[in-house]
Amino acid sequence: MAASIEQLLASLAGRDEPFEELQLLKTAALALPLTTLKDRVPELQLAGLFSLMNVNDREQIELCVTILERFLQALEPVQVARSYKEELERALYHPDESVKLLAIAQVGRIVQCPDAITEMLNNLELLKQIILSIGGDKISVAKEAVTSLSNVARTVTGLEVLFCSNLLTNLKNVMTVSDAVRYRVYELVVDIANVSGSSLSYCVNSGLITQLLEELVGEDILVRVTCIEMITALASSVHGRQYLAEQGVLDKISNMILGADSDPFSGLYLPGLVKFFGSLAIMDSAQHICEHYPAFLNKVFDMAEGHDSTMVVVALDTLAVLGSNMEGKLVLQKTGVRFLNIFKRIGHHAKNSPTELRVRCLEAISSVLYLPPDHHTEDLLRMTESWFTSLSNHPMDLFRDIASQPFPELHCGALKVFTAIANQPWAQQLMIGSPGFIEYVVDRTVDPDKDSKDAKFELVKALVNSKTIAEVFGNQHYLRLRAYLREGPYHIKAISTVALEGAE
């Protein structure tokens, strides 16, 4: 089979219409295991295949791309770099999207290989073409180019080449193509900056990070929306957050939140500002963020109390994030009656709002009410109990009603709320005191689909694993739950039948 590949490659030379030979070559290449190809491909001359893509025949180009992808995959990145560097560079000028993707993907392989990356870094023209590809019409090509350049910058040498040569000028020039292209470059720079403090320094010295921060307070509202997304991404690293704090960006965003009430267009960018601080609260310190930037939590509460469903969803998601760890729960607890009123409103939405909003409410309630077993102090248990009881006059009935509805997302959401509180003694007391609750829990027939059965199983698991369950529920109910857990979520009880035979 390997010899036939060599013969097929040789037969392509001088052919005006090599379509049939290419089809045979494709079949042969895909039929051979990659391990076999690795032994044979280094001996093959693939330059002819690259040249056969210089036609207007779409089918011929696709065949060549498929064959080359297979053959180049069988080569080590350093072999590709040394043997086909010029072919890859020419492929970047090709008008066909698939050819450009082939070339950029191979460059991506090469720059991730320590033995091969030098070959690329010494070829500034090739890297320039990849930069220009960011400004192309094809999003798939642009994204692949961003990924490859991000990999280039994973080494100090790569950072030097990208930010301390004419390539930086190329990068800045391509940003002028359009707003969309400028955002792609910002995305690339932020991705590089997050790798390390050293990488961030290169990005800052290039002037591109400063340019991004300036656009945050610009007049273009849509640009502002995109900038806050990029800045939120930059804040995902410790050194990125430190840099943003040093540059006063956190204060600027806090002031933008304060001024949002007087801006009729704030609805476009306000969710991004809130999400920014919500991300910081989880990655850094909820208490620090909420104490130093009180405008954030106040705005979240205002949004939760408002009537704009889009803003309510953002508030719910933010409260879910804040309430997912103990520090965030304590921050919410410090707000006292205000949060109890917010939670009551969330309970109202969970019962009466459209399905999508109800689901988000259930997710937020679950996140806020969950209390890890090692935090079951008297004060914290009283705290979660007070939150639960603030949701409704009869919160157990509320969630049982939701769990009985035929919509799987609501059914599972209500079960997740029960699961969140299942290990807390006060909740167990409410459960055992709710008529028919235990029977509902062990009844598999009320769970219509796999997700519902899985959610019910998680509830049973949380109950059984609680240290107080046997004492609160009693041995009989505890054993029923253990049996359910042992049998699994999809157990079906066998039904015995007795056949009575009558005399004929």
Protein backbone atom coordinates (compact mmCIF):
# COMPACT_ATOMS: atom_id res chain seq x y z
CA MET A 1 0.00 0.00 0.00
CA ALA A 2 2.89 2.40 0.81
CA ALA A 3 4.43 1.76 -2.63
CA SER A 4 1.11 2.58 -4.28
CA ILE A 5 1.12 5.93 -2.50
CA GLU A 6 4.53 6.70 -3.90
CA GLN A 7 3.38 5.65 -7.36
CA LEU A 8 0.25 7.78 -7.09
CA LEU A 9 2.27 10.80 -6.00
CA ALA A 10 4.66 10.27 -8.90
CA SER A 11 1.78 9.91 -11.35
CA LEU A 12 0.50 13.39 -10.44
CA ALA A 13 3.49 15.06 -12.08
CA GLY A 14 2.59 16.70 -15.36
CA ARG A 15 -1.09 15.81 -15.17
CA ASP A 16 -3.45 18.50 -16.44
CA GLU A 17 -6.46 16.79 -14.84
CA PRO A 18 -5.20 14.79 -11.85
CA PHE A 19 -8.65 14.44 -10.23
CA GLU A 20 -8.85 10.64 -10.50
CA GLU A 21 -5.32 10.12 -9.16
CA LEU A 22 -6.04 12.48 -6.27
CA GLN A 23 -9.16 10.52 -5.34
CA LEU A 24 -7.15 7.29 -5.31
CA LEU A 25 -4.41 8.93 -3.27
CA LYS A 26 -6.94 10.24 -0.76
CA THR A 27 -8.44 6.76 -0.35
CA ALA A 28 -5.00 5.21 0.11
CA ALA A 29 -3.86 7.87 2.59
CA LEU A 30 -6.94 7.59 4.77
CA ALA A 31 -6.88 3.78 4.66
CA LEU A 32 -3.38 3.48 6.13
CA PRO A 33 -2.89 3.74 9.91
CA LEU A 34 -1.09 6.88 11.03
CA THR A 35 1.72 4.77 12.48
CA THR A 36 2.39 3.30 9.05
CA LEU A 37 2.28 6.70 7.40
CA LYS A 38 4.84 8.03 9.87
CA ASP A 39 7.33 5.53 8.49
CA ARG A 40 6.64 6.38 4.83
CA VAL A 41 5.68 10.06 4.63
CA PRO A 42 9.14 11.50 5.51
CA GLU A 43 10.42 9.90 2.32
CA LEU A 44 7.69 11.43 0.15
CA GLN A 45 7.90 14.71 -1.75
CA LEU A 46 4.75 16.69 -1.00
CA ALA A 47 5.65 19.95 -2.74
CA GLY A 48 3.77 18.81 -5.84
CA LEU A 49 0.57 18.44 -3.82
CA PHE A 50 0.89 22.03 -2.59
CA SER A 51 1.29 23.26 -6.19
CA LEU A 52 -1.83 21.37 -7.28
CA MET A 53 -3.89 23.69 -5.07
CA ASN A 54 -3.07 26.66 -7.31
CA VAL A 55 -6.19 26.18 -9.42
CA ASN A 56 -9.75 27.43 -9.53
CA ASP A 57 -11.14 23.92 -9.15
CA ARG A 58 -12.80 23.70 -5.73
CA GLU A 59 -13.01 19.89 -5.72
CA GLN A 60 -9.34 19.50 -6.58
CA ILE A 61 -8.36 21.93 -3.82
CA GLU A 62 -10.45 20.04 -1.25
CA LEU A 63 -8.84 16.74 -2.25
CA CYS A 64 -5.34 18.20 -1.93
CA VAL A 65 -6.14 19.74 1.47
CA THR A 66 -7.51 16.43 2.82
CA ILE A 67 -4.47 14.49 1.59
CA LEU A 68 -1.98 17.06 2.90
CA GLU A 69 -3.69 17.20 6.29
CA ARG A 70 -3.25 13.45 6.58
CA PHE A 71 0.35 13.40 5.37
CA LEU A 72 1.50 16.40 7.42
CA GLN A 73 -0.12 14.90 10.49
CA ALA A 74 2.27 11.98 10.05
CA LEU A 75 5.27 14.31 10.12
CA GLU A 76 6.88 15.77 13.21
CA PRO A 77 6.41 19.55 13.48
CA VAL A 78 10.13 20.15 13.02
CA GLN A 79 10.04 18.14 9.76
CA VAL A 80 7.14 20.23 8.48
CA ALA A 81 8.94 23.45 9.41
CA ARG A 82 12.18 22.50 7.68
CA SER A 83 10.76 20.84 4.59
CA TYR A 84 7.64 22.87 3.78
CA LYS A 85 8.15 26.33 5.23
CA GLU A 86 7.95 28.04 1.83
CA GLU A 87 4.88 26.03 0.82
CA LEU A 88 3.10 27.03 4.02
CA GLU A 89 3.97 30.68 3.44
CA ARG A 90 2.55 30.58 -0.11
CA ALA A 91 -0.55 28.80 1.17
CA LEU A 92 -1.28 31.79 3.42
CA TYR A 93 -1.76 33.92 0.28
CA HIS A 94 -4.22 31.42 -1.19
CA PRO A 95 -7.77 32.76 -1.70
CA ASP A 96 -9.39 29.52 -0.52
CA GLU A 97 -10.29 29.36 3.16
CA SER A 98 -9.43 25.67 3.57
CA VAL A 99 -5.91 26.17 2.24
CA LYS A 100 -5.24 29.03 4.65
CA LEU A 101 -6.62 26.97 7.53
CA LEU A 102 -4.32 24.11 6.58
CA ALA A 103 -1.27 26.37 6.65
CA ILE A 104 -2.16 28.20 9.88
CA ALA A 105 -2.97 24.92 11.65
CA GLN A 106 0.46 23.57 10.73
CA VAL A 107 2.11 26.76 11.98
CA GLY A 108 0.14 26.25 15.20
CA ARG A 109 1.66 22.76 15.54
CA ILE A 110 5.14 24.06 14.82
CA VAL A 111 5.15 26.90 17.35
CA GLN A 112 4.07 24.51 20.11
CA CYS A 113 7.13 22.35 19.49
CA PRO A 114 10.31 23.62 21.22
CA ASP A 115 12.51 22.04 18.55
CA ALA A 116 10.58 23.61 15.69
CA ILE A 117 9.48 27.05 16.86
CA THR A 118 12.82 28.68 15.97
CA GLU A 119 12.15 27.87 12.32
CA MET A 120 8.98 29.98 12.48
CA LEU A 121 10.38 32.82 14.56
CA ASN A 122 13.12 33.33 11.97
CA ASN A 123 10.48 33.74 9.26
CA LEU A 124 8.91 37.13 9.90
CA GLU A 125 7.17 37.18 6.53
CA LEU A 126 5.20 34.05 7.39
CA LEU A 127 4.21 35.47 10.79
CA LYS A 128 3.23 38.73 9.09
CA GLN A 129 0.85 36.83 6.82
CA ILE A 130 -0.73 35.14 9.84
CA ILE A 131 -1.24 38.57 11.43
CA LEU A 132 -2.88 39.80 8.23
CA SER A 133 -5.13 36.76 8.31
CA ILE A 134 -6.71 38.18 11.48
CA GLY A 135 -8.13 40.93 9.29
CA GLY A 136 -9.63 38.56 6.72
CA ASP A 137 -13.31 38.03 6.00
CA LYS A 138 -13.33 34.40 7.11
CA ILE A 139 -13.87 34.17 10.86
CA SER A 140 -12.58 30.59 10.98
CA VAL A 141 -9.25 31.69 9.47
CA ALA A 142 -9.04 34.70 11.81
CA LYS A 143 -9.65 32.55 14.90
CA GLU A 144 -7.02 30.02 13.83
CA ALA A 145 -4.57 32.87 13.26
CA VAL A 146 -5.25 34.27 16.75
CA THR A 147 -4.67 30.83 18.27
CA SER A 148 -1.36 30.36 16.40
CA LEU A 149 -0.05 33.80 17.36
CA SER A 150 -1.05 33.19 20.96
CA ASN A 151 1.08 30.04 20.89
CA VAL A 152 3.96 31.99 19.34
CA ALA A 153 3.96 34.25 22.40
CA ARG A 154 4.27 31.37 24.86
CA THR A 155 8.06 31.80 24.89
CA VAL A 156 10.25 34.82 25.62
CA THR A 157 11.68 34.63 22.11
CA GLY A 158 8.19 34.59 20.68
CA LEU A 159 7.21 37.63 22.77
CA GLU A 160 10.30 39.47 21.52
CA VAL A 161 9.50 38.66 17.90
CA LEU A 162 5.83 39.62 18.17
CA PHE A 163 6.14 42.81 20.22
CA CYS A 164 9.68 44.05 19.57
CA SER A 165 9.88 43.86 15.77
CA ASN A 166 8.01 45.16 12.73
CA LEU A 167 5.33 42.58 13.50
CA LEU A 168 3.96 44.94 16.16
CA THR A 169 3.42 47.55 13.44
CA ASN A 170 1.64 44.91 11.34
CA LEU A 171 -0.52 44.05 14.34
CA LYS A 172 -1.49 47.69 14.89
CA ASN A 173 -2.14 48.22 11.19
CA VAL A 174 -4.48 45.25 10.93
CA MET A 175 -6.52 46.68 13.81
CA THR A 176 -7.57 49.56 11.56
CA VAL A 177 -9.46 47.22 9.20
CA SER A 178 -12.64 47.26 11.28
CA ASP A 179 -13.99 47.25 14.84
CA ALA A 180 -14.41 43.47 14.67
CA VAL A 181 -10.76 42.96 13.71
CA ARG A 182 -9.62 45.34 16.45
CA TYR A 183 -11.53 43.22 18.98
CA ARG A 184 -9.80 40.09 17.65
CA VAL A 185 -6.41 41.67 18.27
CA TYR A 186 -7.47 42.73 21.78
CA GLU A 187 -8.58 39.15 22.39
CA LEU A 188 -5.15 37.92 21.29
CA VAL A 189 -3.30 40.45 23.46
CA VAL A 190 -5.39 39.67 26.56
CA ASP A 191 -4.85 35.95 26.05
CA ILE A 192 -1.10 36.52 25.87
CA ALA A 193 -1.10 38.93 28.84
CA ASN A 194 -2.80 36.37 31.09
CA VAL A 195 0.02 33.84 30.68
CA SER A 196 2.42 35.55 33.10
CA GLY A 197 3.49 38.86 34.55
CA SER A 198 6.29 39.00 32.00
CA SER A 199 3.84 38.48 29.15
CA LEU A 200 1.65 41.24 30.53
CA SER A 201 4.64 43.60 30.56
CA TYR A 202 5.27 43.00 26.86
CA CYS A 203 1.60 43.66 26.10
CA VAL A 204 1.55 46.83 28.20
CA ASN A 205 4.77 48.14 26.61
CA SER A 206 3.25 47.56 23.18
CA GLY A 207 0.60 50.15 24.00
CA LEU A 208 -2.24 47.81 23.10
CA ILE A 209 -3.45 47.23 26.66
CA THR A 210 -3.47 50.97 27.30
CA GLN A 211 -5.48 51.47 24.11
CA LEU A 212 -7.99 48.87 25.27
CA LEU A 213 -8.43 50.58 28.65
CA GLU A 214 -8.94 53.96 26.99
CA GLU A 215 -11.77 52.58 24.88
CA LEU A 216 -13.59 51.53 28.05
CA VAL A 217 -14.54 55.14 28.75
CA GLY A 218 -14.98 56.15 25.13
CA GLU A 219 -18.14 57.55 23.56
CA ASP A 220 -19.01 54.44 21.53
CA ILE A 221 -21.35 52.37 23.71
CA LEU A 222 -20.98 49.16 21.69
CA VAL A 223 -17.18 49.42 21.86
CA ARG A 224 -17.52 49.89 25.61
CA VAL A 225 -19.52 46.66 25.86
CA THR A 226 -16.80 44.71 24.08
CA CYS A 227 -14.02 46.35 26.10
CA ILE A 228 -15.56 45.33 29.43
CA GLU A 229 -15.65 41.73 28.20
CA MET A 230 -11.94 41.91 27.32
CA ILE A 231 -11.07 43.54 30.64
CA THR A 232 -13.04 40.88 32.51
CA ALA A 233 -10.95 38.27 30.69
CA LEU A 234 -7.75 40.10 31.70
CA ALA A 235 -8.91 40.01 35.32
CA SER A 236 -8.92 36.21 35.26
CA SER A 237 -5.22 36.19 36.19
CA VAL A 238 -3.81 37.44 39.50
CA HIS A 239 -1.27 39.69 37.79
CA GLY A 240 -3.98 40.96 35.47
CA ARG A 241 -6.19 41.96 38.39
CA GLN A 242 -3.29 43.62 40.12
CA TYR A 243 -2.48 45.64 37.02
CA LEU A 244 -6.10 46.74 36.58
CA ALA A 245 -6.26 47.84 40.22
CA GLU A 246 -3.00 49.78 39.88
CA GLN A 247 -4.32 51.55 36.79
CA GLY A 248 -7.50 52.59 38.60
CA VAL A 249 -9.71 50.54 36.29
CA LEU A 250 -11.76 49.12 39.18
CA ASP A 251 -12.55 52.63 40.39
CA LYS A 252 -13.52 53.66 36.86
CA ILE A 253 -15.91 50.72 36.50
CA SER A 254 -17.40 51.43 39.92
CA ASN A 255 -17.99 55.06 38.88
CA MET A 256 -19.57 53.87 35.64
CA ILE A 257 -22.01 51.79 37.69
CA LEU A 258 -22.80 54.84 39.86
CA GLY A 259 -23.42 56.95 36.77
CA ALA A 260 -25.51 54.34 35.00
CA ASP A 261 -28.80 55.76 36.31
CA SER A 262 -28.28 58.97 34.37
CA ASP A 263 -27.25 57.24 31.13
CA PRO A 264 -30.18 56.12 28.94
CA PHE A 265 -27.88 53.62 27.17
CA SER A 266 -26.48 52.03 30.33
CA GLY A 267 -28.65 48.97 29.81
CA LEU A 268 -26.26 47.94 27.05
CA TYR A 269 -23.08 47.90 29.12
CA LEU A 270 -24.32 47.69 32.73
CA PRO A 271 -24.63 43.85 32.73
CA GLY A 272 -20.98 43.61 31.72
CA LEU A 273 -19.89 45.95 34.52
CA VAL A 274 -21.80 43.90 37.09
CA LYS A 275 -20.43 40.63 35.74
CA PHE A 276 -16.92 42.09 35.97
CA PHE A 277 -17.22 42.70 39.71
CA GLY A 278 -19.05 39.40 40.16
CA SER A 279 -16.07 37.61 38.63
CA LEU A 280 -13.67 39.53 40.87
CA ALA A 281 -15.70 38.64 43.95
CA ILE A 282 -15.20 34.95 43.27
CA MET A 283 -11.59 35.05 42.07
CA ASP A 284 -10.39 37.51 44.67
CA SER A 285 -12.47 38.26 47.77
CA ALA A 286 -16.20 38.88 47.94
CA GLN A 287 -15.85 40.87 51.14
CA HIS A 288 -13.05 43.05 49.76
CA ILE A 289 -14.89 43.78 46.51
CA CYS A 290 -18.25 44.52 48.14
CA GLU A 291 -16.74 46.70 50.87
CA HIS A 292 -14.45 48.71 48.59
CA TYR A 293 -16.93 49.02 45.72
CA PRO A 294 -20.37 49.17 47.39
CA ALA A 295 -21.92 50.46 44.16
CA PHE A 296 -21.60 46.92 42.79
CA LEU A 297 -23.80 45.10 45.33
CA ASN A 298 -26.25 48.00 45.56
CA LYS A 299 -26.72 47.86 41.80
CA VAL A 300 -27.20 44.08 41.90
CA PHE A 301 -29.98 44.53 44.46
CA ASP A 302 -31.56 47.35 42.43
CA MET A 303 -31.54 45.12 39.35
CA ALA A 304 -33.10 42.23 41.29
CA GLU A 305 -35.87 44.52 42.55
CA GLY A 306 -36.53 46.01 39.11
CA HIS A 307 -38.92 44.98 36.35
CA ASP A 308 -36.46 44.57 33.48
CA SER A 309 -36.22 40.79 33.05
CA THR A 310 -32.79 41.04 31.40
CA MET A 311 -31.40 42.90 34.40
CA VAL A 312 -33.14 40.53 36.82
CA VAL A 313 -31.39 37.59 35.15
CA VAL A 314 -28.00 39.31 35.49
CA ALA A 315 -28.73 40.00 39.16
CA LEU A 316 -29.77 36.38 39.75
CA ASP A 317 -26.64 35.03 38.11
CA THR A 318 -24.47 37.42 40.13
CA LEU A 319 -26.15 36.48 43.41
CA ALA A 320 -25.69 32.81 42.51
CA VAL A 321 -21.97 33.45 42.05
CA LEU A 322 -21.67 35.51 45.23
CA GLY A 323 -23.60 32.98 47.27
CA SER A 324 -21.60 30.03 46.04
CA ASN A 325 -18.89 30.43 48.70
CA MET A 326 -18.97 31.17 52.41
CA GLU A 327 -17.42 34.61 52.18
CA GLY A 328 -20.07 35.66 49.69
CA LYS A 329 -22.87 34.28 51.87
CA LEU A 330 -21.60 36.30 54.82
CA VAL A 331 -21.49 39.44 52.67
CA LEU A 332 -25.13 38.89 51.75
CA GLN A 333 -26.02 38.21 55.38
CA LYS A 334 -24.52 41.56 56.43
CA THR A 335 -27.03 43.40 54.27
CA GLY A 336 -29.76 42.18 56.64
CA VAL A 337 -33.39 42.89 55.79
CA ARG A 338 -32.56 44.12 52.29
CA PHE A 339 -31.35 40.70 51.19
CA LEU A 340 -34.31 38.97 52.86
CA ASN A 341 -36.60 41.19 50.78
CA ILE A 342 -34.57 40.41 47.65
CA PHE A 343 -34.83 36.68 48.37
CA LYS A 344 -38.59 36.99 48.88
CA ARG A 345 -38.84 38.62 45.46
CA ILE A 346 -36.78 35.79 43.98
CA GLY A 347 -39.24 33.34 45.52
CA HIS A 348 -42.06 35.27 43.86
CA HIS A 349 -40.32 35.03 40.47
CA ALA A 350 -39.71 31.32 41.00
CA LYS A 351 -43.45 30.81 41.30
CA ASN A 352 -44.94 33.30 38.84
CA SER A 353 -42.46 34.32 36.15
CA PRO A 354 -41.81 32.82 32.67
CA THR A 355 -40.04 29.45 32.68
CA GLU A 356 -36.55 30.71 31.79
CA LEU A 357 -36.55 33.24 34.63
CA ARG A 358 -37.95 30.66 37.05
CA VAL A 359 -35.11 28.29 36.22
CA ARG A 360 -32.52 31.02 36.90
CA CYS A 361 -34.23 31.72 40.21
CA LEU A 362 -34.00 28.07 41.24
CA GLU A 363 -30.31 28.00 40.33
CA ALA A 364 -29.63 31.11 42.42
CA ILE A 365 -31.63 29.79 45.37
CA SER A 366 -29.73 26.48 45.29
CA SER A 367 -26.36 28.23 45.19
CA VAL A 368 -27.15 30.62 48.05
CA LEU A 369 -28.78 28.06 50.37
CA TYR A 370 -26.16 25.31 50.15
CA LEU A 371 -24.07 25.01 53.30
CA PRO A 372 -21.03 22.71 53.36
CA PRO A 373 -21.10 20.17 56.23
CA ASP A 374 -18.02 21.69 57.88
CA HIS A 375 -19.85 25.03 58.22
CA HIS A 376 -22.88 23.77 60.12
CA THR A 377 -22.57 26.20 62.98
CA GLU A 378 -25.65 27.33 64.83
CA ASP A 379 -25.43 30.86 63.41
CA LEU A 380 -24.98 29.76 59.81
CA LEU A 381 -27.80 27.23 60.01
CA ARG A 382 -30.06 29.95 61.38
CA MET A 383 -28.97 32.17 58.52
CA THR A 384 -29.89 29.70 55.73
CA GLU A 385 -33.14 28.82 57.50
CA SER A 386 -34.14 32.48 57.64
CA TRP A 387 -33.36 32.86 53.95
CA PHE A 388 -35.41 29.79 53.06
CA THR A 389 -38.42 30.90 55.05
CA SER A 390 -38.25 34.37 53.46
CA LEU A 391 -38.87 32.89 50.01
CA SER A 392 -42.56 32.23 50.58
CA ASN A 393 -45.17 31.77 53.27
CA HIS A 394 -44.96 28.04 52.58
CA PRO A 395 -41.61 27.40 50.85
CA MET A 396 -41.79 23.60 51.05
CA ASP A 397 -45.12 23.67 49.24
CA LEU A 398 -43.71 26.13 46.71
CA PHE A 399 -40.88 23.84 45.65
CA ARG A 400 -42.99 20.67 45.78
CA ASP A 401 -45.46 22.34 43.43
CA ILE A 402 -42.64 23.31 41.06
CA ALA A 403 -41.17 19.79 41.25
CA SER A 404 -44.53 18.32 40.22
CA GLN A 405 -44.75 20.36 37.02
CA PRO A 406 -44.15 18.64 33.66
CA PHE A 407 -41.29 20.90 32.57
CA PRO A 408 -37.98 19.02 33.13
CA GLU A 409 -35.90 22.14 33.77
CA LEU A 410 -38.29 23.29 36.50
CA HIS A 411 -38.63 19.76 37.92
CA CYS A 412 -34.84 19.40 38.17
CA GLY A 413 -34.41 22.97 39.46
CA ALA A 414 -36.76 22.33 42.38
CA LEU A 415 -35.00 19.05 43.17
CA LYS A 416 -31.69 20.93 43.23
CA VAL A 417 -33.10 23.32 45.82
CA PHE A 418 -34.08 20.37 48.02
CA THR A 419 -30.61 18.88 47.45
CA ALA A 420 -28.93 22.14 48.47
CA ILE A 421 -30.62 22.12 51.88
CA ALA A 422 -30.79 18.33 52.33
CA ASN A 423 -27.87 18.12 54.76
CA GLN A 424 -29.20 20.85 57.09
CA PRO A 425 -31.18 19.65 60.13
CA TRP A 426 -33.81 22.41 59.98
CA ALA A 427 -34.54 21.47 56.36
CA GLN A 428 -34.78 17.79 57.27
CA GLN A 429 -37.33 18.68 59.93
CA LEU A 430 -39.38 20.52 57.30
CA MET A 431 -39.12 17.58 54.93
CA ILE A 432 -40.26 14.97 57.43
CA GLY A 433 -43.06 17.28 58.49
CA SER A 434 -44.29 17.73 54.91
CA PRO A 435 -46.98 15.06 54.26
CA GLY A 436 -46.00 12.60 51.55
CA PHE A 437 -42.52 14.08 50.99
CA ILE A 438 -40.60 10.87 51.72
CA GLU A 439 -42.97 8.90 49.49
CA TYR A 440 -42.36 11.43 46.73
CA VAL A 441 -38.58 11.15 47.13
CA VAL A 442 -38.49 7.35 46.80
CA ASP A 443 -41.06 7.24 43.98
CA ARG A 444 -39.18 6.86 40.69
CA THR A 445 -42.34 6.99 38.58
CA VAL A 446 -42.73 10.74 39.07
CA ASP A 447 -39.40 11.46 37.34
CA PRO A 448 -40.13 11.46 33.61
CA ASP A 449 -36.63 11.58 32.09
CA LYS A 450 -32.97 10.81 32.76
CA ASP A 451 -32.10 14.30 34.01
CA SER A 452 -34.95 14.17 36.50
CA LYS A 453 -33.93 10.72 37.73
CA ASP A 454 -30.35 11.90 38.13
CA ALA A 455 -31.48 15.00 40.05
CA LYS A 456 -33.63 12.87 42.35
CA PHE A 457 -30.69 10.51 42.94
CA GLU A 458 -28.48 13.47 43.96
CA LEU A 459 -31.15 14.49 46.48
CA VAL A 460 -31.27 10.99 47.97
CA LYS A 461 -27.47 10.86 48.10
CA ALA A 462 -27.32 14.21 49.93
CA LEU A 463 -29.89 13.01 52.45
CA VAL A 464 -28.23 9.64 53.10
CA ASN A 465 -24.79 11.21 53.50
CA SER A 466 -26.03 13.67 56.13
CA LYS A 467 -24.95 12.91 59.71
CA THR A 468 -28.30 13.88 61.14
CA ILE A 469 -30.64 12.12 58.71
CA ALA A 470 -31.20 8.90 60.71
CA GLU A 471 -32.00 10.86 63.84
CA VAL A 472 -34.42 13.25 62.12
CA PHE A 473 -36.09 10.88 59.65
CA GLY A 474 -36.07 7.75 61.79
CA ASN A 475 -34.61 4.36 60.89
CA GLN A 476 -37.46 3.21 58.67
CA HIS A 477 -37.28 6.17 56.28
CA TYR A 478 -33.48 6.20 56.46
CA LEU A 479 -33.33 2.56 55.35
CA ARG A 480 -35.71 3.27 52.47
CA LEU A 481 -33.42 6.05 51.28
CA ARG A 482 -30.34 3.84 51.59
CA ALA A 483 -32.06 1.15 49.55
CA TYR A 484 -32.87 3.73 46.86
CA LEU A 485 -29.23 4.85 46.83
CA ARG A 486 -28.01 1.26 46.57
CA GLU A 487 -30.37 0.41 43.71
CA GLY A 488 -29.38 3.49 41.67
CA PRO A 489 -31.44 6.11 39.81
CA TYR A 490 -32.80 3.83 37.08
CA HIS A 491 -33.88 0.81 39.12
CA ILE A 492 -37.14 -0.81 38.03
CA LYS A 493 -38.88 -3.09 40.47
CA ALA A 494 -39.72 -6.50 39.12
CA ILE A 495 -43.44 -7.34 39.03
CA SER A 496 -44.26 -10.95 39.82
CA THR A 497 -47.20 -12.52 38.07
CA VAL A 498 -49.07 -15.67 38.96
CA ALA A 499 -50.58 -17.64 36.13
CA LEU A 500 -53.73 -19.52 37.02
CA GLU A 501 -54.49 -22.45 34.83
CA GLY A 502 -58.09 -23.58 34.56
CA ALA A 503 -59.24 -27.02 33.66
CA GLU A 504 -60.31 -27.29 30.09
